[in-house]
Amino acid sequence: MRSLYRKANIMYVPALILFAVFVIYPFLDGIRIAFTNWNGYSQHFKYVGLLNFKRLFIDDNIRTAFVNTLLYSFGSTFFQQLLGLSFALLLNESFPGRTATRAIIYLPIMISAVIMGYMWIYLIEYGGAVNDIVTLLGYKKILWLSNANLAGAVIILANTLQFVGVSMIIYLAGLQGIPAMYYEAASIEGAGSWVRFRHITLPLLYPSFVTSVTINLIGGMKLFDVIRALTGGGPGYKTHSLATLIHSSYFSSQNAGYAAAIGVFLFVVILFFTLMLQLAFRGREVQYT
């Protein structure tokens, strides 16, 4: 038996090597680069200590990108849970076309976020379909991406609608794992639909909620593609996230050292909020068990 276990453990070695080469090494090398003034191209650079990290605390663009990152992640996560649970509750019932409806809601996940961003541009550009609807309602056309607040709302909406299918699938799996006898017993006791939802569905969906929120929040904090496609971080730097600011610092400003420092900062932010989220969920989980 021990020999079998040893052979099984050996099978992990290729995966561990690939993980070390393509994840661990780039991560550690990125930390090293964060302490340099490397421009991303030259073979010559020098170590500058904590200079790049000190700059993080006085850079107004970092503050804007940090706030935007939180808005995009928490905003998208909130609406993804709301819509994902609503779709799951609807599509857990039997009706004609249920399978096709599930596929349609999930389909945007399979489309590149860049392509999705360009599709949104065609919809919300000055002469696009959305402004045609606005004029039909008697209002003036809107420059959606010229205003930072409106552009931020469009980014959150685009990200929500593309990835709401993830939350829907997670909640559907949770709903289908709830034994029907719980609802039958509650109905016999005279419990209405809202009481059954509040005291049976919600508590038993808690593990699904934890999974969905964690995945959506981490994904929102790394949001990059749709921002690059929709606004490129503009107007100015008003809609940049930390992820897009890394790209801009590297390729536009040719400051790879500072870009690496922003990357380390983003990693710390994601790690912090993930740990806080897990601690909060762990405390709630005790109440439901």
Protein backbone atom coordinates (compact mmCIF):
# COMPACT_ATOMS: atom_id res chain seq x y z
CA MET A 1 0.00 0.00 0.00
CA ARG A 2 2.83 2.42 0.88
CA SER A 3 4.47 1.63 -2.46
CA LEU A 4 1.22 2.56 -4.23
CA TYR A 5 1.02 5.86 -2.35
CA ARG A 6 4.63 6.65 -3.25
CA LYS A 7 3.96 6.02 -6.92
CA ALA A 8 0.87 8.23 -6.72
CA ASN A 9 2.86 11.02 -5.07
CA ILE A 10 5.47 10.88 -7.84
CA MET A 11 2.70 11.78 -10.30
CA TYR A 12 2.47 15.21 -8.63
CA VAL A 13 6.07 16.05 -9.55
CA PRO A 14 5.46 17.24 -13.17
CA ALA A 15 2.62 19.48 -12.03
CA LEU A 16 4.73 20.90 -9.20
CA ILE A 17 7.61 21.60 -11.60
CA LEU A 18 5.31 23.42 -14.02
CA PHE A 19 3.77 25.38 -11.15
CA ALA A 20 7.21 26.37 -9.88
CA VAL A 21 8.44 27.43 -13.33
CA PHE A 22 5.38 29.34 -14.51
CA VAL A 23 3.98 30.69 -11.20
CA ILE A 24 6.45 30.68 -8.31
CA TYR A 25 9.52 31.81 -10.26
CA PRO A 26 7.77 34.70 -12.13
CA PHE A 27 6.20 35.84 -8.85
CA LEU A 28 9.52 35.90 -7.00
CA ASP A 29 11.28 37.52 -9.94
CA GLY A 30 8.55 40.17 -10.05
CA ILE A 31 9.27 41.01 -6.43
CA ARG A 32 12.96 41.34 -7.29
CA ILE A 33 12.20 43.66 -10.21
CA ALA A 34 10.07 45.84 -7.91
CA PHE A 35 13.28 46.91 -6.19
CA THR A 36 14.92 48.08 -9.43
CA ASN A 37 14.62 50.94 -11.92
CA TRP A 38 14.43 48.54 -14.89
CA ASN A 39 12.64 49.99 -17.93
CA GLY A 40 11.50 46.60 -19.20
CA TYR A 41 13.82 46.46 -22.21
CA SER A 42 17.40 47.34 -21.31
CA GLN A 43 19.83 44.81 -19.95
CA HIS A 44 21.16 47.42 -17.54
CA PHE A 45 19.39 48.46 -14.36
CA LYS A 46 20.19 49.16 -10.75
CA TYR A 47 18.54 48.41 -7.44
CA VAL A 48 16.74 51.39 -5.89
CA GLY A 49 15.60 49.84 -2.63
CA LEU A 50 12.11 50.85 -1.49
CA LEU A 51 11.89 53.84 -3.82
CA ASN A 52 9.16 52.29 -6.00
CA PHE A 53 7.09 51.31 -2.96
CA LYS A 54 7.46 54.80 -1.44
CA ARG A 55 6.14 56.24 -4.68
CA LEU A 56 2.97 54.16 -4.30
CA PHE A 57 1.92 56.23 -1.29
CA ILE A 58 2.27 59.61 -3.01
CA ASP A 59 1.00 58.72 -6.49
CA ASP A 60 -2.51 60.12 -7.10
CA ASN A 61 -3.03 57.68 -9.95
CA ILE A 62 -2.47 54.78 -7.54
CA ARG A 63 -5.16 56.17 -5.22
CA THR A 64 -7.61 56.50 -8.11
CA ALA A 65 -6.81 53.02 -9.43
CA PHE A 66 -7.09 51.50 -5.93
CA VAL A 67 -10.53 53.04 -5.34
CA ASN A 68 -11.65 51.96 -8.82
CA THR A 69 -10.40 48.42 -8.19
CA LEU A 70 -12.53 48.19 -5.05
CA LEU A 71 -15.54 49.69 -6.83
CA TYR A 72 -15.25 47.32 -9.78
CA SER A 73 -14.72 44.24 -7.61
CA PHE A 74 -17.32 44.88 -4.91
CA GLY A 75 -19.81 46.41 -7.35
CA SER A 76 -19.57 43.52 -9.81
CA THR A 77 -19.64 40.96 -7.00
CA PHE A 78 -22.82 42.46 -5.51
CA PHE A 79 -24.73 42.48 -8.79
CA GLN A 80 -23.42 39.06 -9.81
CA GLN A 81 -24.79 37.56 -6.59
CA LEU A 82 -28.11 39.34 -6.99
CA LEU A 83 -28.61 38.36 -10.63
CA GLY A 84 -26.93 34.97 -10.32
CA LEU A 85 -29.19 33.87 -7.46
CA SER A 86 -32.27 35.26 -9.22
CA PHE A 87 -31.45 33.37 -12.42
CA ALA A 88 -30.67 30.21 -10.45
CA LEU A 89 -34.01 30.33 -8.62
CA LEU A 90 -35.83 30.88 -11.91
CA LEU A 91 -33.95 28.23 -13.87
CA ASN A 92 -34.23 25.66 -11.10
CA GLU A 93 -37.90 25.38 -12.00
CA SER A 94 -39.12 23.28 -14.92
CA PHE A 95 -40.42 25.18 -17.96
CA PRO A 96 -40.01 24.93 -21.74
CA GLY A 97 -36.69 26.33 -22.95
CA ARG A 98 -34.99 26.13 -19.57
CA THR A 99 -31.83 24.50 -20.93
CA ALA A 100 -31.54 27.04 -23.76
CA THR A 101 -31.99 29.90 -21.29
CA ARG A 102 -29.21 28.53 -19.08
CA ALA A 103 -26.92 28.29 -22.10
CA ILE A 104 -27.69 31.86 -23.20
CA ILE A 105 -26.91 33.29 -19.76
CA TYR A 106 -23.70 31.27 -19.49
CA LEU A 107 -22.57 31.92 -23.08
CA PRO A 108 -20.86 35.34 -22.48
CA ILE A 109 -18.28 33.64 -20.24
CA MET A 110 -16.97 31.81 -23.30
CA ILE A 111 -16.37 35.09 -25.17
CA SER A 112 -13.09 36.95 -24.73
CA ALA A 113 -13.41 39.93 -22.39
CA VAL A 114 -11.67 42.08 -25.00
CA ILE A 115 -14.23 41.14 -27.64
CA MET A 116 -17.00 41.73 -25.13
CA GLY A 117 -15.59 45.17 -24.41
CA TYR A 118 -15.59 46.11 -28.11
CA MET A 119 -19.17 44.84 -28.42
CA TRP A 120 -20.14 47.21 -25.61
CA ILE A 121 -18.40 50.08 -27.41
CA TYR A 122 -20.61 49.52 -30.46
CA LEU A 123 -23.66 49.57 -28.20
CA ILE A 124 -22.85 52.70 -26.20
CA GLU A 125 -20.94 54.85 -28.72
CA TYR A 126 -22.49 58.19 -29.61
CA GLY A 127 -24.35 56.77 -32.60
CA GLY A 128 -24.96 53.36 -30.99
CA ALA A 129 -28.09 51.46 -30.11
CA VAL A 130 -28.23 52.66 -26.49
CA ASN A 131 -28.22 56.32 -27.51
CA ASP A 132 -30.89 55.56 -30.12
CA ILE A 133 -33.09 54.32 -27.29
CA VAL A 134 -32.19 57.40 -25.22
CA THR A 135 -33.31 59.73 -28.04
CA LEU A 136 -36.53 57.76 -28.50
CA LEU A 137 -37.29 58.45 -24.84
CA GLY A 138 -36.88 62.18 -25.52
CA TYR A 139 -33.42 62.73 -24.03
CA LYS A 140 -30.14 63.91 -25.55
CA LYS A 141 -27.46 61.44 -26.53
CA ILE A 142 -24.91 60.64 -23.82
CA LEU A 143 -21.15 60.39 -24.11
CA TRP A 144 -20.98 57.33 -21.90
CA LEU A 145 -17.21 56.87 -21.87
CA SER A 146 -16.26 60.55 -21.61
CA ASN A 147 -17.54 60.78 -18.04
CA ALA A 148 -15.53 58.83 -15.45
CA ASN A 149 -18.57 57.96 -13.33
CA LEU A 150 -20.63 56.74 -16.28
CA ALA A 151 -17.65 54.85 -17.71
CA GLY A 152 -17.08 53.15 -14.36
CA ALA A 153 -20.74 52.11 -14.23
CA VAL A 154 -20.50 50.69 -17.76
CA ILE A 155 -17.40 48.68 -16.78
CA ILE A 156 -19.19 47.22 -13.75
CA LEU A 157 -22.26 46.40 -15.86
CA ALA A 158 -20.21 44.79 -18.64
CA ASN A 159 -18.22 42.66 -16.18
CA THR A 160 -21.38 41.68 -14.29
CA LEU A 161 -23.31 40.55 -17.35
CA GLN A 162 -20.37 38.61 -18.76
CA PHE A 163 -19.64 36.60 -15.62
CA VAL A 164 -23.06 36.36 -13.97
CA GLY A 165 -23.26 32.85 -15.43
CA VAL A 166 -20.56 31.70 -13.01
CA SER A 167 -22.67 32.68 -10.01
CA MET A 168 -25.77 31.21 -11.62
CA ILE A 169 -24.11 27.79 -12.09
CA ILE A 170 -22.76 27.79 -8.53
CA TYR A 171 -26.16 28.65 -7.05
CA LEU A 172 -27.92 26.13 -9.30
CA ALA A 173 -25.62 23.40 -8.02
CA GLY A 174 -26.39 24.47 -4.45
CA LEU A 175 -30.16 24.54 -5.05
CA GLN A 176 -30.15 21.09 -6.61
CA GLY A 177 -28.28 19.76 -3.58
CA ILE A 178 -31.03 20.82 -1.14
CA PRO A 179 -33.24 17.81 -0.25
CA ALA A 180 -36.86 18.27 -1.36
CA MET A 181 -38.11 16.83 1.95
CA TYR A 182 -37.16 20.06 3.73
CA TYR A 183 -39.57 22.04 1.56
CA GLU A 184 -42.25 19.36 1.87
CA ALA A 185 -42.02 19.41 5.65
CA ALA A 186 -42.18 23.20 5.72
CA SER A 187 -45.24 23.20 3.43
CA ILE A 188 -47.01 20.74 5.71
CA GLU A 189 -46.33 23.12 8.60
CA GLY A 190 -47.95 25.91 6.60
CA ALA A 191 -44.78 27.86 5.70
CA GLY A 192 -45.16 30.19 2.73
CA SER A 193 -42.72 30.61 -0.14
CA TRP A 194 -40.87 33.53 1.49
CA VAL A 195 -40.49 31.64 4.80
CA ARG A 196 -39.16 28.59 2.97
CA PHE A 197 -36.72 30.75 1.03
CA ARG A 198 -35.52 32.60 4.12
CA HIS A 199 -35.21 29.68 6.52
CA ILE A 200 -34.32 26.80 4.18
CA THR A 201 -32.92 28.02 0.85
CA LEU A 202 -30.69 30.85 2.06
CA PRO A 203 -29.01 29.00 4.96
CA LEU A 204 -28.37 25.88 2.86
CA LEU A 205 -27.01 28.00 -0.01
CA TYR A 206 -24.40 29.52 2.26
CA PRO A 207 -21.49 27.35 0.98
CA SER A 208 -22.45 28.32 -2.59
CA PHE A 209 -22.57 31.97 -1.57
CA VAL A 210 -19.07 31.76 -0.07
CA THR A 211 -17.67 30.16 -3.22
CA SER A 212 -19.37 32.60 -5.59
CA VAL A 213 -18.43 35.74 -3.68
CA THR A 214 -14.79 34.67 -3.32
CA ILE A 215 -14.41 33.86 -7.03
CA ASN A 216 -16.18 37.03 -8.17
CA LEU A 217 -14.32 39.32 -5.78
CA ILE A 218 -10.88 38.03 -6.77
CA GLY A 219 -11.81 38.21 -10.45
CA GLY A 220 -13.07 41.78 -10.05
CA MET A 221 -9.87 42.91 -8.37
CA LYS A 222 -7.86 41.57 -11.33
CA LEU A 223 -10.17 43.22 -13.88
CA PHE A 224 -8.15 44.22 -16.92
CA ASP A 225 -9.40 43.21 -20.37
CA VAL A 226 -12.76 44.96 -20.43
CA ILE A 227 -11.24 48.20 -19.09
CA ARG A 228 -8.54 48.19 -21.75
CA ALA A 229 -11.13 47.59 -24.46
CA LEU A 230 -13.72 50.11 -23.22
CA THR A 231 -11.76 53.08 -21.88
CA GLY A 232 -8.05 52.26 -21.85
CA GLY A 233 -8.09 53.77 -18.35
CA GLY A 234 -9.45 57.11 -19.55
CA PRO A 235 -10.56 59.78 -19.52
CA GLY A 236 -7.08 60.55 -18.24
CA TYR A 237 -6.40 57.99 -15.51
CA LYS A 238 -9.93 58.14 -14.07
CA THR A 239 -11.05 54.56 -14.88
CA HIS A 240 -7.78 52.70 -14.41
CA SER A 241 -7.72 49.68 -12.14
CA LEU A 242 -4.50 48.53 -10.51
CA ALA A 243 -4.19 45.83 -13.16
CA THR A 244 -4.47 48.26 -16.09
CA LEU A 245 -2.14 50.70 -14.34
CA ILE A 246 0.49 47.96 -14.23
CA HIS A 247 0.19 47.63 -18.02
CA SER A 248 0.34 51.40 -18.51
CA SER A 249 3.39 51.81 -16.26
CA TYR A 250 5.24 49.03 -18.05
CA PHE A 251 4.46 49.66 -21.70
CA SER A 252 3.53 53.37 -21.84
CA SER A 253 5.88 54.76 -19.18
CA GLN A 254 8.54 52.05 -19.66
CA ASN A 255 8.92 51.72 -15.91
CA ALA A 256 8.93 47.98 -15.28
CA GLY A 257 10.25 48.38 -11.74
CA TYR A 258 7.33 50.56 -10.71
CA ALA A 259 4.88 48.29 -12.57
CA ALA A 260 6.25 45.32 -10.60
CA ALA A 261 5.79 47.27 -7.36
CA ILE A 262 2.14 47.93 -8.27
CA GLY A 263 1.79 44.22 -8.99
CA VAL A 264 3.11 43.33 -5.54
CA PHE A 265 0.73 45.87 -4.03
CA LEU A 266 -2.19 44.34 -5.96
CA PHE A 267 -1.22 40.89 -4.70
CA VAL A 268 -1.23 42.16 -1.10
CA VAL A 269 -4.63 43.83 -1.62
CA ILE A 270 -6.18 40.65 -3.03
CA LEU A 271 -4.63 38.52 -0.29
CA PHE A 272 -5.87 40.91 2.42
CA PHE A 273 -9.47 41.05 1.23
CA THR A 274 -9.57 37.31 0.56
CA LEU A 275 -8.39 36.54 4.10
CA MET A 276 -10.82 39.06 5.59
CA LEU A 277 -13.61 37.53 3.54
CA GLN A 278 -12.78 34.02 4.71
CA LEU A 279 -12.63 35.14 8.34
CA ALA A 280 -16.02 36.82 8.01
CA PHE A 281 -17.52 33.76 6.32
CA ARG A 282 -16.05 31.44 8.93
CA GLY A 283 -17.77 33.38 11.68
CA ARG A 284 -21.10 33.25 9.84
CA GLU A 285 -20.68 29.56 9.08
CA VAL A 286 -20.66 28.75 12.79
CA GLN A 287 -24.10 30.33 13.12
CA TYR A 288 -25.58 28.13 10.41
CA THR A 289 -24.07 24.84 11.57
